[in-house]
Amino acid sequence: MRILAIDDDPIVHDILNRYLPAEQAYALECHASAESALASINASQFSYDCILLDIMLPGTDGIEFCQVLRRMKGYNATPILMITANREQGLMQRAFDAGATDFLPKPLNAIELKARVISAGMLNQSIVTAYDSQKELSKLKKMRFDDVPNFDVEGVYDIRDLENHMLRYQPGCYAMSLISLKVDAMRHIFNAKEPSMFLQALRQSAQAMVAVMESEPAKIAYVGKGCFVGVVHGRNRINILDLTSRFNQELSQLWDRKATGMLTPPKGKIKLASDQRFWSGLSIGNKLREFAPISEAAFKPTSRVEDNLFTELAW
């Protein structure tokens, strides 16, 4: 815990160093004036988690410096504990009006000091967590339907990572099938629900797809608009109807009504994204590139000359 202490009494510095030692994970920095502390704040690459501030200081006093801190970016909510031997009510009110969090009376007591500092640390952590959550929420509110968010499901690749993986294959001919999954009603969920609910619907769809493809040597990626692609290794023909049925059964079992805001899960439909069954790493990598950004046309088999295996085996 990084603590900045400002007090012109060297005895207070000694007491703070004794009560808040480095071996107990306290990183204490002491200054004798507000001017010195401000220079340190401006030069530091890190923010302080708690500030101990004497009210009576030479030059800029503690209350004035508290106001300065509250106007600084990154310190508008940092816990500031005012140190004072003066219990005058008006002085304490001025400190609170300036933005002080709490008081520490002089002479300092070890137990009270540690308790207040620990409480300040917990408060600061809760503020940081709330701020991070707010930032994440702001990002979600700006999400577009064709974005590819990170919903953290093991076994689901980023489409660019999957493409790069395929491009690293040794030159040769590989038996692979390219499939696509389109989950219906995702547009409705995106438009009607909170972004977090849309993400939950995506996450559960991805989990269902991974579970269904577990018996197949397959690699899956989300490509936006409620759509997934999968590369399935092997010569066996894909039973699309059976795969679709098993996906919908799995999604029905996984579906969380509360998290998604939907009483019934959407239906998914799996298709062959290409009739081609033999690929080079380059040819399937180029094909995958068509899926980012996704388009409806990408779900129709294509007869592009560039996709022909024999035109790209020269790689």
C-alpha atoms as a PDB file:
ATOM      1  CA  MET A   1       0.000   0.000   0.000  1.00  0.00           C
ATOM      2  CA  ARG A   2       1.526   3.320  -1.119  1.00  0.00           C
ATOM      3  CA  ILE A   3       1.110   6.034   1.536  1.00  0.00           C
ATOM      4  CA  LEU A   4       2.073   9.706   1.247  1.00  0.00           C
ATOM      5  CA  ALA A   5       2.526  11.490   4.586  1.00  0.00           C
ATOM      6  CA  ILE A   6       2.922  15.280   4.930  1.00  0.00           C
ATOM      7  CA  ASP A   7       3.896  16.613   8.350  1.00  0.00           C
ATOM      8  CA  ASP A   8       6.599  19.117   9.353  1.00  0.00           C
ATOM      9  CA  ASP A   9       7.364  17.264  12.594  1.00  0.00           C
ATOM     10  CA  PRO A  10      10.256  14.763  12.133  1.00  0.00           C
ATOM     11  CA  ILE A  11       9.052  12.887  15.222  1.00  0.00           C
ATOM     12  CA  VAL A  12       5.787  12.130  13.423  1.00  0.00           C
ATOM     13  CA  HIS A  13       7.832  10.782  10.496  1.00  0.00           C
ATOM     14  CA  ASP A  14       9.665   8.459  12.861  1.00  0.00           C
ATOM     15  CA  ILE A  15       6.407   7.262  14.415  1.00  0.00           C
ATOM     16  CA  LEU A  16       4.822   6.610  11.023  1.00  0.00           C
ATOM     17  CA  ASN A  17       7.871   4.657   9.837  1.00  0.00           C
ATOM     18  CA  ARG A  18       7.727   2.564  13.005  1.00  0.00           C
ATOM     19  CA  TYR A  19       3.982   1.890  12.833  1.00  0.00           C
ATOM     20  CA  LEU A  20       3.773   1.405   9.038  1.00  0.00           C
ATOM     21  CA  PRO A  21       6.885  -0.655   8.201  1.00  0.00           C
ATOM     22  CA  ALA A  22       7.852  -1.890   4.745  1.00  0.00           C
ATOM     23  CA  GLU A  23       7.865  -5.526   5.903  1.00  0.00           C
ATOM     24  CA  GLN A  24       4.102  -5.220   6.448  1.00  0.00           C
ATOM     25  CA  ALA A  25       3.632  -4.160   2.808  1.00  0.00           C
ATOM     26  CA  TYR A  26       3.473  -0.406   3.499  1.00  0.00           C
ATOM     27  CA  ALA A  27       5.358   1.866   1.099  1.00  0.00           C
ATOM     28  CA  LEU A  28       5.573   5.069   3.122  1.00  0.00           C
ATOM     29  CA  GLU A  29       6.905   8.367   1.751  1.00  0.00           C
ATOM     30  CA  CYS A  30       7.202  11.324   4.129  1.00  0.00           C
ATOM     31  CA  HIS A  31       7.425  15.053   3.324  1.00  0.00           C
ATOM     32  CA  ALA A  32       7.689  18.144   5.537  1.00  0.00           C
ATOM     33  CA  SER A  33       5.666  20.486   3.302  1.00  0.00           C
ATOM     34  CA  ALA A  34       2.810  20.493   0.815  1.00  0.00           C
ATOM     35  CA  GLU A  35       5.120  21.917  -1.842  1.00  0.00           C
ATOM     36  CA  SER A  36       7.556  19.009  -1.499  1.00  0.00           C
ATOM     37  CA  ALA A  37       4.713  16.458  -1.553  1.00  0.00           C
ATOM     38  CA  LEU A  38       3.157  18.053  -4.639  1.00  0.00           C
ATOM     39  CA  ALA A  39       6.474  17.853  -6.504  1.00  0.00           C
ATOM     40  CA  SER A  40       6.703  14.164  -5.602  1.00  0.00           C
ATOM     41  CA  ILE A  41       3.143  13.493  -6.798  1.00  0.00           C
ATOM     42  CA  ASN A  42       3.821  15.205 -10.120  1.00  0.00           C
ATOM     43  CA  ALA A  43       7.069  13.272 -10.619  1.00  0.00           C
ATOM     44  CA  SER A  44       5.736   9.866  -9.539  1.00  0.00           C
ATOM     45  CA  GLN A  45       4.736   7.216 -12.070  1.00  0.00           C
ATOM     46  CA  PHE A  46       2.339   5.712  -9.513  1.00  0.00           C
ATOM     47  CA  SER A  47      -0.657   6.953  -7.569  1.00  0.00           C
ATOM     48  CA  TYR A  48      -0.782   6.894  -3.778  1.00  0.00           C
ATOM     49  CA  ASP A  49      -3.440   4.751  -2.108  1.00  0.00           C
ATOM     50  CA  CYS A  50      -3.758   6.902   1.015  1.00  0.00           C
ATOM     51  CA  ILE A  51      -2.613  10.380   2.106  1.00  0.00           C
ATOM     52  CA  LEU A  52      -1.841  11.368   5.718  1.00  0.00           C
ATOM     53  CA  LEU A  53      -1.954  15.154   5.905  1.00  0.00           C
ATOM     54  CA  ASP A  54      -1.177  17.442   8.845  1.00  0.00           C
ATOM     55  CA  ILE A  55      -3.552  20.392   9.029  1.00  0.00           C
ATOM     56  CA  MET A  56      -0.935  22.829  10.342  1.00  0.00           C
ATOM     57  CA  LEU A  57       1.873  23.064   7.775  1.00  0.00           C
ATOM     58  CA  PRO A  58       4.338  25.823   6.851  1.00  0.00           C
ATOM     59  CA  GLY A  59       3.492  27.533   3.573  1.00  0.00           C
ATOM     60  CA  THR A  60       0.425  25.870   2.090  1.00  0.00           C
ATOM     61  CA  ASP A  61      -1.522  24.444   5.024  1.00  0.00           C
ATOM     62  CA  GLY A  62      -3.184  21.019   5.091  1.00  0.00           C
ATOM     63  CA  ILE A  63      -6.687  22.235   4.280  1.00  0.00           C
ATOM     64  CA  GLU A  64      -5.496  24.228   1.262  1.00  0.00           C
ATOM     65  CA  PHE A  65      -3.434  21.268   0.071  1.00  0.00           C
ATOM     66  CA  CYS A  66      -6.432  18.970   0.488  1.00  0.00           C
ATOM     67  CA  GLN A  67      -8.354  21.238  -1.891  1.00  0.00           C
ATOM     68  CA  VAL A  68      -5.449  21.110  -4.360  1.00  0.00           C
ATOM     69  CA  LEU A  69      -5.405  17.307  -4.218  1.00  0.00           C
ATOM     70  CA  ARG A  70      -9.140  17.036  -4.813  1.00  0.00           C
ATOM     71  CA  ARG A  71      -8.758  19.060  -8.016  1.00  0.00           C
ATOM     72  CA  MET A  72      -6.019  16.755  -9.319  1.00  0.00           C
ATOM     73  CA  LYS A  73      -6.802  13.945 -11.719  1.00  0.00           C
ATOM     74  CA  GLY A  74      -6.539  10.645  -9.886  1.00  0.00           C
ATOM     75  CA  TYR A  75      -6.913  12.121  -6.406  1.00  0.00           C
ATOM     76  CA  ASN A  76     -10.510  13.310  -6.377  1.00  0.00           C
ATOM     77  CA  ALA A  77     -11.524  10.241  -4.338  1.00  0.00           C
ATOM     78  CA  THR A  78      -8.269   9.032  -2.729  1.00  0.00           C
ATOM     79  CA  PRO A  79      -8.653   8.703   1.078  1.00  0.00           C
ATOM     80  CA  ILE A  80      -7.114  11.722   2.857  1.00  0.00           C
ATOM     81  CA  LEU A  81      -6.655  11.382   6.629  1.00  0.00           C
ATOM     82  CA  MET A  82      -6.051  14.712   8.345  1.00  0.00           C
ATOM     83  CA  ILE A  83      -3.586  14.650  11.263  1.00  0.00           C
ATOM     84  CA  THR A  84      -4.256  17.250  13.954  1.00  0.00           C
ATOM     85  CA  ALA A  85      -3.977  17.997  17.669  1.00  0.00           C
ATOM     86  CA  ASN A  86      -6.624  20.710  17.304  1.00  0.00           C
ATOM     87  CA  ARG A  87     -10.163  19.481  18.020  1.00  0.00           C
ATOM     88  CA  GLU A  88     -11.776  22.841  17.202  1.00  0.00           C
ATOM     89  CA  GLN A  89     -15.089  22.091  15.482  1.00  0.00           C
ATOM     90  CA  GLY A  90     -14.846  24.833  12.875  1.00  0.00           C
ATOM     91  CA  LEU A  91     -11.395  23.673  11.758  1.00  0.00           C
ATOM     92  CA  MET A  92     -12.564  20.109  11.344  1.00  0.00           C
ATOM     93  CA  GLN A  93     -15.592  21.248   9.352  1.00  0.00           C
ATOM     94  CA  ARG A  94     -13.342  23.274   7.020  1.00  0.00           C
ATOM     95  CA  ALA A  95     -11.230  20.164   6.453  1.00  0.00           C
ATOM     96  CA  PHE A  96     -14.293  18.066   5.616  1.00  0.00           C
ATOM     97  CA  ASP A  97     -15.523  20.793   3.266  1.00  0.00           C
ATOM     98  CA  ALA A  98     -12.119  20.695   1.540  1.00  0.00           C
ATOM     99  CA  GLY A  99     -12.534  16.966   0.914  1.00  0.00           C
ATOM    100  CA  ALA A 100     -10.954  15.241   3.924  1.00  0.00           C
ATOM    101  CA  THR A 101     -12.022  11.626   4.447  1.00  0.00           C
ATOM    102  CA  ASP A 102     -11.284  11.249   8.162  1.00  0.00           C
ATOM    103  CA  PHE A 103      -9.163  12.523  11.098  1.00  0.00           C
ATOM    104  CA  LEU A 104      -6.232  11.116  13.052  1.00  0.00           C
ATOM    105  CA  PRO A 105      -5.723  12.824  16.433  1.00  0.00           C
ATOM    106  CA  LYS A 106      -2.270  13.604  17.814  1.00  0.00           C
ATOM    107  CA  PRO A 107      -0.498  12.022  19.564  1.00  0.00           C
ATOM    108  CA  LEU A 108      -0.730   9.116  17.107  1.00  0.00           C
ATOM    109  CA  ASN A 109      -1.835   5.769  18.448  1.00  0.00           C
ATOM    110  CA  ALA A 110      -0.468   2.676  16.674  1.00  0.00           C
ATOM    111  CA  ILE A 111      -3.689   0.658  16.758  1.00  0.00           C
ATOM    112  CA  GLU A 112      -5.898   3.555  15.642  1.00  0.00           C
ATOM    113  CA  LEU A 113      -3.439   4.597  12.928  1.00  0.00           C
ATOM    114  CA  LYS A 114      -3.288   1.112  11.416  1.00  0.00           C
ATOM    115  CA  ALA A 115      -7.050   0.667  11.636  1.00  0.00           C
ATOM    116  CA  ARG A 116      -7.714   3.968   9.841  1.00  0.00           C
ATOM    117  CA  VAL A 117      -5.071   3.281   7.179  1.00  0.00           C
ATOM    118  CA  ILE A 118      -6.406  -0.241   6.535  1.00  0.00           C
ATOM    119  CA  SER A 119      -9.943   1.157   6.248  1.00  0.00           C
ATOM    120  CA  ALA A 120      -8.650   3.811   3.849  1.00  0.00           C
ATOM    121  CA  GLY A 121      -6.986   1.109   1.754  1.00  0.00           C
ATOM    122  CA  MET A 122     -10.215  -0.876   1.565  1.00  0.00           C
ATOM    123  CA  LEU A 123     -12.109   2.262   0.610  1.00  0.00           C
ATOM    124  CA  ASN A 124      -9.589   3.094  -2.095  1.00  0.00           C
ATOM    125  CA  GLN A 125      -9.792  -0.442  -3.497  1.00  0.00           C
ATOM    126  CA  SER A 126     -13.578  -0.279  -3.644  1.00  0.00           C
ATOM    127  CA  ILE A 127     -13.330   3.068  -5.463  1.00  0.00           C
ATOM    128  CA  VAL A 128     -10.850   1.640  -7.973  1.00  0.00           C
ATOM    129  CA  THR A 129     -13.066  -1.414  -8.528  1.00  0.00           C
ATOM    130  CA  ALA A 130     -16.128   0.757  -9.042  1.00  0.00           C
ATOM    131  CA  TYR A 131     -14.193   2.989 -11.460  1.00  0.00           C
ATOM    132  CA  ASP A 132     -12.977  -0.016 -13.453  1.00  0.00           C
ATOM    133  CA  SER A 133     -16.514  -1.403 -13.564  1.00  0.00           C
ATOM    134  CA  GLN A 134     -17.798   1.943 -14.779  1.00  0.00           C
ATOM    135  CA  LYS A 135     -15.172   2.034 -17.530  1.00  0.00           C
ATOM    136  CA  GLU A 136     -16.080  -1.485 -18.589  1.00  0.00           C
ATOM    137  CA  LEU A 137     -19.759  -0.563 -18.604  1.00  0.00           C
ATOM    138  CA  SER A 138     -19.003   2.482 -20.754  1.00  0.00           C
ATOM    139  CA  LYS A 139     -17.199   0.253 -23.232  1.00  0.00           C
ATOM    140  CA  LEU A 140     -20.114  -2.152 -23.329  1.00  0.00           C
ATOM    141  CA  LYS A 141     -22.567   0.663 -23.977  1.00  0.00           C
ATOM    142  CA  LYS A 142     -20.548   1.600 -27.061  1.00  0.00           C
ATOM    143  CA  MET A 143     -20.563  -1.969 -28.371  1.00  0.00           C
ATOM    144  CA  ARG A 144     -21.859  -2.530 -31.893  1.00  0.00           C
ATOM    145  CA  PHE A 145     -23.648  -5.666 -33.036  1.00  0.00           C
ATOM    146  CA  ASP A 146     -20.823  -6.581 -35.418  1.00  0.00           C
ATOM    147  CA  ASP A 147     -18.100  -6.133 -32.761  1.00  0.00           C
ATOM    148  CA  VAL A 148     -16.124  -9.163 -31.592  1.00  0.00           C
ATOM    149  CA  PRO A 149     -15.838  -8.746 -27.801  1.00  0.00           C
ATOM    150  CA  ASN A 150     -13.725 -10.934 -25.555  1.00  0.00           C
ATOM    151  CA  PHE A 151     -16.212 -13.110 -23.657  1.00  0.00           C
ATOM    152  CA  ASP A 152     -13.545 -15.441 -22.314  1.00  0.00           C
ATOM    153  CA  VAL A 153     -14.622 -18.966 -23.270  1.00  0.00           C
ATOM    154  CA  GLU A 154     -11.906 -21.604 -23.367  1.00  0.00           C
ATOM    155  CA  GLY A 155     -11.689 -23.193 -26.808  1.00  0.00           C
ATOM    156  CA  VAL A 156     -12.927 -20.130 -28.741  1.00  0.00           C
ATOM    157  CA  TYR A 157     -10.288 -18.347 -30.823  1.00  0.00           C
ATOM    158  CA  ASP A 158     -10.088 -14.781 -32.005  1.00  0.00           C
ATOM    159  CA  ILE A 159     -10.706 -15.003 -35.751  1.00  0.00           C
ATOM    160  CA  ARG A 160      -7.347 -13.349 -36.509  1.00  0.00           C
ATOM    161  CA  ASP A 161      -5.532 -15.789 -34.229  1.00  0.00           C
ATOM    162  CA  LEU A 162      -7.254 -18.702 -35.944  1.00  0.00           C
ATOM    163  CA  GLU A 163      -6.283 -17.363 -39.357  1.00  0.00           C
ATOM    164  CA  ASN A 164      -2.651 -16.939 -38.270  1.00  0.00           C
ATOM    165  CA  HIS A 165      -2.664 -20.446 -36.812  1.00  0.00           C
ATOM    166  CA  MET A 166      -3.743 -21.874 -40.164  1.00  0.00           C
ATOM    167  CA  LEU A 167      -1.199 -19.813 -42.086  1.00  0.00           C
ATOM    168  CA  ARG A 168       1.572 -21.429 -40.038  1.00  0.00           C
ATOM    169  CA  TYR A 169       0.701 -24.900 -41.340  1.00  0.00           C
ATOM    170  CA  GLN A 170       3.441 -26.605 -43.310  1.00  0.00           C
ATOM    171  CA  PRO A 171       2.875 -26.675 -47.104  1.00  0.00           C
ATOM    172  CA  GLY A 172       0.644 -29.601 -47.976  1.00  0.00           C
ATOM    173  CA  CYS A 173      -2.872 -30.844 -48.431  1.00  0.00           C
ATOM    174  CA  TYR A 174      -5.110 -31.133 -45.362  1.00  0.00           C
ATOM    175  CA  ALA A 175      -8.571 -32.679 -45.034  1.00  0.00           C
ATOM    176  CA  MET A 176     -10.666 -30.019 -43.289  1.00  0.00           C
ATOM    177  CA  SER A 177     -14.254 -28.804 -43.316  1.00  0.00           C
ATOM    178  CA  LEU A 178     -15.310 -25.224 -42.705  1.00  0.00           C
ATOM    179  CA  ILE A 179     -18.595 -24.787 -40.867  1.00  0.00           C
ATOM    180  CA  SER A 180     -20.589 -21.777 -39.719  1.00  0.00           C
ATOM    181  CA  LEU A 181     -23.054 -21.298 -36.877  1.00  0.00           C
ATOM    182  CA  LYS A 182     -25.602 -18.518 -36.876  1.00  0.00           C
ATOM    183  CA  VAL A 183     -27.564 -18.010 -33.647  1.00  0.00           C
ATOM    184  CA  ASP A 184     -30.967 -16.517 -34.401  1.00  0.00           C
ATOM    185  CA  ALA A 185     -32.501 -13.706 -32.319  1.00  0.00           C
ATOM    186  CA  MET A 186     -29.086 -12.309 -31.336  1.00  0.00           C
ATOM    187  CA  ARG A 187     -29.975  -9.016 -33.003  1.00  0.00           C
ATOM    188  CA  HIS A 188     -33.140  -8.884 -30.908  1.00  0.00           C
ATOM    189  CA  ILE A 189     -31.202  -9.631 -27.709  1.00  0.00           C
ATOM    190  CA  PHE A 190     -28.633  -6.961 -28.606  1.00  0.00           C
ATOM    191  CA  ASN A 191     -31.316  -4.330 -29.278  1.00  0.00           C
ATOM    192  CA  ALA A 192     -33.652  -5.191 -26.401  1.00  0.00           C
ATOM    193  CA  LYS A 193     -31.322  -6.105 -23.550  1.00  0.00           C
ATOM    194  CA  GLU A 194     -28.423  -4.670 -21.597  1.00  0.00           C
ATOM    195  CA  PRO A 195     -24.970  -5.191 -23.206  1.00  0.00           C
ATOM    196  CA  SER A 196     -24.003  -7.498 -20.347  1.00  0.00           C
ATOM    197  CA  MET A 197     -26.983  -9.730 -21.159  1.00  0.00           C
ATOM    198  CA  PHE A 198     -25.982  -9.843 -24.813  1.00  0.00           C
ATOM    199  CA  LEU A 199     -22.485 -10.895 -23.762  1.00  0.00           C
ATOM    200  CA  GLN A 200     -23.943 -13.630 -21.577  1.00  0.00           C
ATOM    201  CA  ALA A 201     -25.995 -14.906 -24.514  1.00  0.00           C
ATOM    202  CA  LEU A 202     -22.849 -14.980 -26.650  1.00  0.00           C
ATOM    203  CA  ARG A 203     -20.857 -16.696 -23.907  1.00  0.00           C
ATOM    204  CA  GLN A 204     -23.454 -19.443 -23.457  1.00  0.00           C
ATOM    205  CA  SER A 205     -23.731 -19.955 -27.225  1.00  0.00           C
ATOM    206  CA  ALA A 206     -19.948 -20.287 -27.425  1.00  0.00           C
ATOM    207  CA  GLN A 207     -19.915 -22.775 -24.548  1.00  0.00           C
ATOM    208  CA  ALA A 208     -22.593 -24.858 -26.263  1.00  0.00           C
ATOM    209  CA  MET A 209     -20.628 -24.868 -29.532  1.00  0.00           C
ATOM    210  CA  VAL A 210     -17.413 -25.904 -27.773  1.00  0.00           C
ATOM    211  CA  ALA A 211     -19.240 -28.712 -25.934  1.00  0.00           C
ATOM    212  CA  VAL A 212     -20.835 -30.044 -29.134  1.00  0.00           C
ATOM    213  CA  MET A 213     -17.547 -29.973 -31.050  1.00  0.00           C
ATOM    214  CA  GLU A 214     -15.602 -31.584 -28.199  1.00  0.00           C
ATOM    215  CA  SER A 215     -15.614 -34.962 -29.955  1.00  0.00           C
ATOM    216  CA  GLU A 216     -14.333 -33.387 -33.167  1.00  0.00           C
ATOM    217  CA  PRO A 217     -10.803 -32.000 -33.732  1.00  0.00           C
ATOM    218  CA  ALA A 218     -12.238 -28.520 -34.321  1.00  0.00           C
ATOM    219  CA  LYS A 219     -11.195 -24.907 -33.823  1.00  0.00           C
ATOM    220  CA  ILE A 220     -13.916 -22.290 -33.297  1.00  0.00           C
ATOM    221  CA  ALA A 221     -13.975 -18.497 -33.580  1.00  0.00           C
ATOM    222  CA  TYR A 222     -16.633 -15.837 -33.016  1.00  0.00           C
ATOM    223  CA  VAL A 223     -16.911 -13.390 -35.908  1.00  0.00           C
ATOM    224  CA  GLY A 224     -19.646 -10.956 -34.849  1.00  0.00           C
ATOM    225  CA  LYS A 225     -23.402 -10.630 -35.382  1.00  0.00           C
ATOM    226  CA  GLY A 226     -24.132 -13.785 -33.400  1.00  0.00           C
ATOM    227  CA  CYS A 227     -22.086 -15.893 -35.817  1.00  0.00           C
ATOM    228  CA  PHE A 228     -19.294 -18.439 -35.302  1.00  0.00           C
ATOM    229  CA  VAL A 229     -17.024 -20.346 -37.681  1.00  0.00           C
ATOM    230  CA  GLY A 230     -15.285 -23.636 -37.076  1.00  0.00           C
ATOM    231  CA  VAL A 231     -12.487 -25.520 -38.780  1.00  0.00           C
ATOM    232  CA  VAL A 232     -13.001 -29.282 -38.423  1.00  0.00           C
ATOM    233  CA  HIS A 233     -10.050 -31.561 -39.202  1.00  0.00           C
ATOM    234  CA  GLY A 234     -10.590 -34.964 -40.785  1.00  0.00           C
ATOM    235  CA  ARG A 235     -12.013 -36.685 -43.837  1.00  0.00           C
ATOM    236  CA  ASN A 236     -15.394 -37.582 -42.318  1.00  0.00           C
ATOM    237  CA  ARG A 237     -18.370 -35.720 -43.693  1.00  0.00           C
ATOM    238  CA  ILE A 238     -20.086 -33.428 -41.225  1.00  0.00           C
ATOM    239  CA  ASN A 239     -23.639 -34.374 -40.266  1.00  0.00           C
ATOM    240  CA  ILE A 240     -25.003 -30.833 -40.249  1.00  0.00           C
ATOM    241  CA  LEU A 241     -28.522 -31.729 -39.071  1.00  0.00           C
ATOM    242  CA  ASP A 242     -27.234 -33.800 -36.144  1.00  0.00           C
ATOM    243  CA  LEU A 243     -24.710 -31.096 -35.209  1.00  0.00           C
ATOM    244  CA  THR A 244     -27.412 -28.407 -35.245  1.00  0.00           C
ATOM    245  CA  SER A 245     -29.759 -30.521 -33.143  1.00  0.00           C
ATOM    246  CA  ARG A 246     -27.071 -31.247 -30.547  1.00  0.00           C
ATOM    247  CA  PHE A 247     -26.070 -27.583 -30.392  1.00  0.00           C
ATOM    248  CA  ASN A 248     -29.643 -26.474 -29.671  1.00  0.00           C
ATOM    249  CA  GLN A 249     -30.036 -29.158 -27.009  1.00  0.00           C
ATOM    250  CA  GLU A 250     -26.795 -28.111 -25.336  1.00  0.00           C
ATOM    251  CA  LEU A 251     -27.691 -24.407 -25.467  1.00  0.00           C
ATOM    252  CA  SER A 252     -31.081 -25.182 -23.933  1.00  0.00           C
ATOM    253  CA  GLN A 253     -29.364 -26.896 -20.987  1.00  0.00           C
ATOM    254  CA  LEU A 254     -26.820 -24.100 -20.507  1.00  0.00           C
ATOM    255  CA  TRP A 255     -29.243 -21.201 -20.926  1.00  0.00           C
ATOM    256  CA  ASP A 256     -29.417 -18.875 -17.923  1.00  0.00           C
ATOM    257  CA  ARG A 257     -32.704 -16.956 -18.030  1.00  0.00           C
ATOM    258  CA  LYS A 258     -31.688 -14.433 -15.390  1.00  0.00           C
ATOM    259  CA  ALA A 259     -28.272 -13.621 -16.872  1.00  0.00           C
ATOM    260  CA  THR A 260     -29.591 -13.212 -20.419  1.00  0.00           C
ATOM    261  CA  GLY A 261     -33.011 -11.755 -19.675  1.00  0.00           C
ATOM    262  CA  MET A 262     -34.554 -14.285 -22.070  1.00  0.00           C
ATOM    263  CA  LEU A 263     -36.944 -17.020 -20.927  1.00  0.00           C
ATOM    264  CA  THR A 264     -36.128 -19.317 -23.846  1.00  0.00           C
ATOM    265  CA  PRO A 265     -32.799 -19.730 -25.640  1.00  0.00           C
ATOM    266  CA  PRO A 266     -32.434 -18.762 -29.301  1.00  0.00           C
ATOM    267  CA  LYS A 267     -31.975 -21.404 -31.973  1.00  0.00           C
ATOM    268  CA  GLY A 268     -28.768 -21.938 -33.852  1.00  0.00           C
ATOM    269  CA  LYS A 269     -28.280 -23.217 -37.375  1.00  0.00           C
ATOM    270  CA  ILE A 270     -25.048 -24.828 -38.518  1.00  0.00           C
ATOM    271  CA  LYS A 271     -24.055 -24.926 -42.196  1.00  0.00           C
ATOM    272  CA  LEU A 272     -21.098 -25.810 -44.331  1.00  0.00           C
ATOM    273  CA  ALA A 273     -19.400 -22.495 -45.043  1.00  0.00           C
ATOM    274  CA  SER A 274     -17.635 -24.014 -48.061  1.00  0.00           C
ATOM    275  CA  ASP A 275     -18.035 -27.173 -50.163  1.00  0.00           C
ATOM    276  CA  GLN A 276     -14.259 -27.516 -50.291  1.00  0.00           C
ATOM    277  CA  ARG A 277     -12.906 -30.433 -48.229  1.00  0.00           C
ATOM    278  CA  PHE A 278      -9.152 -30.277 -48.862  1.00  0.00           C
ATOM    279  CA  TRP A 279      -7.156 -27.169 -48.065  1.00  0.00           C
ATOM    280  CA  SER A 280      -3.675 -25.784 -47.744  1.00  0.00           C
ATOM    281  CA  GLY A 281      -2.932 -23.635 -44.710  1.00  0.00           C
ATOM    282  CA  LEU A 282      -2.888 -20.584 -46.959  1.00  0.00           C
ATOM    283  CA  SER A 283      -6.162 -21.348 -48.706  1.00  0.00           C
ATOM    284  CA  ILE A 284      -8.152 -21.847 -45.504  1.00  0.00           C
ATOM    285  CA  GLY A 285      -6.407 -18.883 -43.868  1.00  0.00           C
ATOM    286  CA  ASN A 286      -7.514 -16.681 -46.761  1.00  0.00           C
ATOM    287  CA  LYS A 287     -11.012 -18.092 -46.540  1.00  0.00           C
ATOM    288  CA  LEU A 288     -11.203 -17.293 -42.836  1.00  0.00           C
ATOM    289  CA  ARG A 289     -10.227 -13.708 -43.615  1.00  0.00           C
ATOM    290  CA  GLU A 290     -13.603 -13.294 -45.304  1.00  0.00           C
ATOM    291  CA  PHE A 291     -15.339 -13.745 -41.974  1.00  0.00           C
ATOM    292  CA  ALA A 292     -13.915 -10.606 -40.362  1.00  0.00           C
ATOM    293  CA  PRO A 293     -15.877  -8.431 -40.636  1.00  0.00           C
ATOM    294  CA  ILE A 294     -18.691 -10.896 -41.051  1.00  0.00           C
ATOM    295  CA  SER A 295     -21.278 -10.602 -43.812  1.00  0.00           C
ATOM    296  CA  GLU A 296     -24.329 -12.630 -44.739  1.00  0.00           C
ATOM    297  CA  ALA A 297     -22.582 -13.665 -47.949  1.00  0.00           C
ATOM    298  CA  ALA A 298     -19.943 -15.478 -45.903  1.00  0.00           C
ATOM    299  CA  PHE A 299     -22.528 -18.094 -44.961  1.00  0.00           C
ATOM    300  CA  LYS A 300     -23.045 -19.198 -48.547  1.00  0.00           C
ATOM    301  CA  PRO A 301     -20.713 -21.717 -50.234  1.00  0.00           C
ATOM    302  CA  THR A 302     -18.400 -19.950 -52.638  1.00  0.00           C
ATOM    303  CA  SER A 303     -16.778 -21.065 -55.879  1.00  0.00           C
ATOM    304  CA  ARG A 304     -14.039 -18.405 -55.896  1.00  0.00           C
ATOM    305  CA  VAL A 305     -11.067 -19.481 -57.963  1.00  0.00           C
ATOM    306  CA  GLU A 306      -8.708 -18.285 -55.216  1.00  0.00           C
ATOM    307  CA  ASP A 307     -10.216 -20.843 -52.814  1.00  0.00           C
ATOM    308  CA  ASN A 308      -9.414 -23.743 -55.085  1.00  0.00           C
ATOM    309  CA  LEU A 309      -6.898 -25.951 -53.375  1.00  0.00           C
ATOM    310  CA  PHE A 310      -4.731 -26.466 -56.399  1.00  0.00           C
ATOM    311  CA  THR A 311      -4.271 -22.746 -57.071  1.00  0.00           C
ATOM    312  CA  GLU A 312      -2.848 -22.198 -53.588  1.00  0.00           C
ATOM    313  CA  LEU A 313      -0.779 -25.297 -52.909  1.00  0.00           C
ATOM    314  CA  ALA A 314       2.157 -23.462 -54.491  1.00  0.00           C
ATOM    315  CA  TRP A 315       2.526 -21.544 -51.220  1.00  0.00           C
END
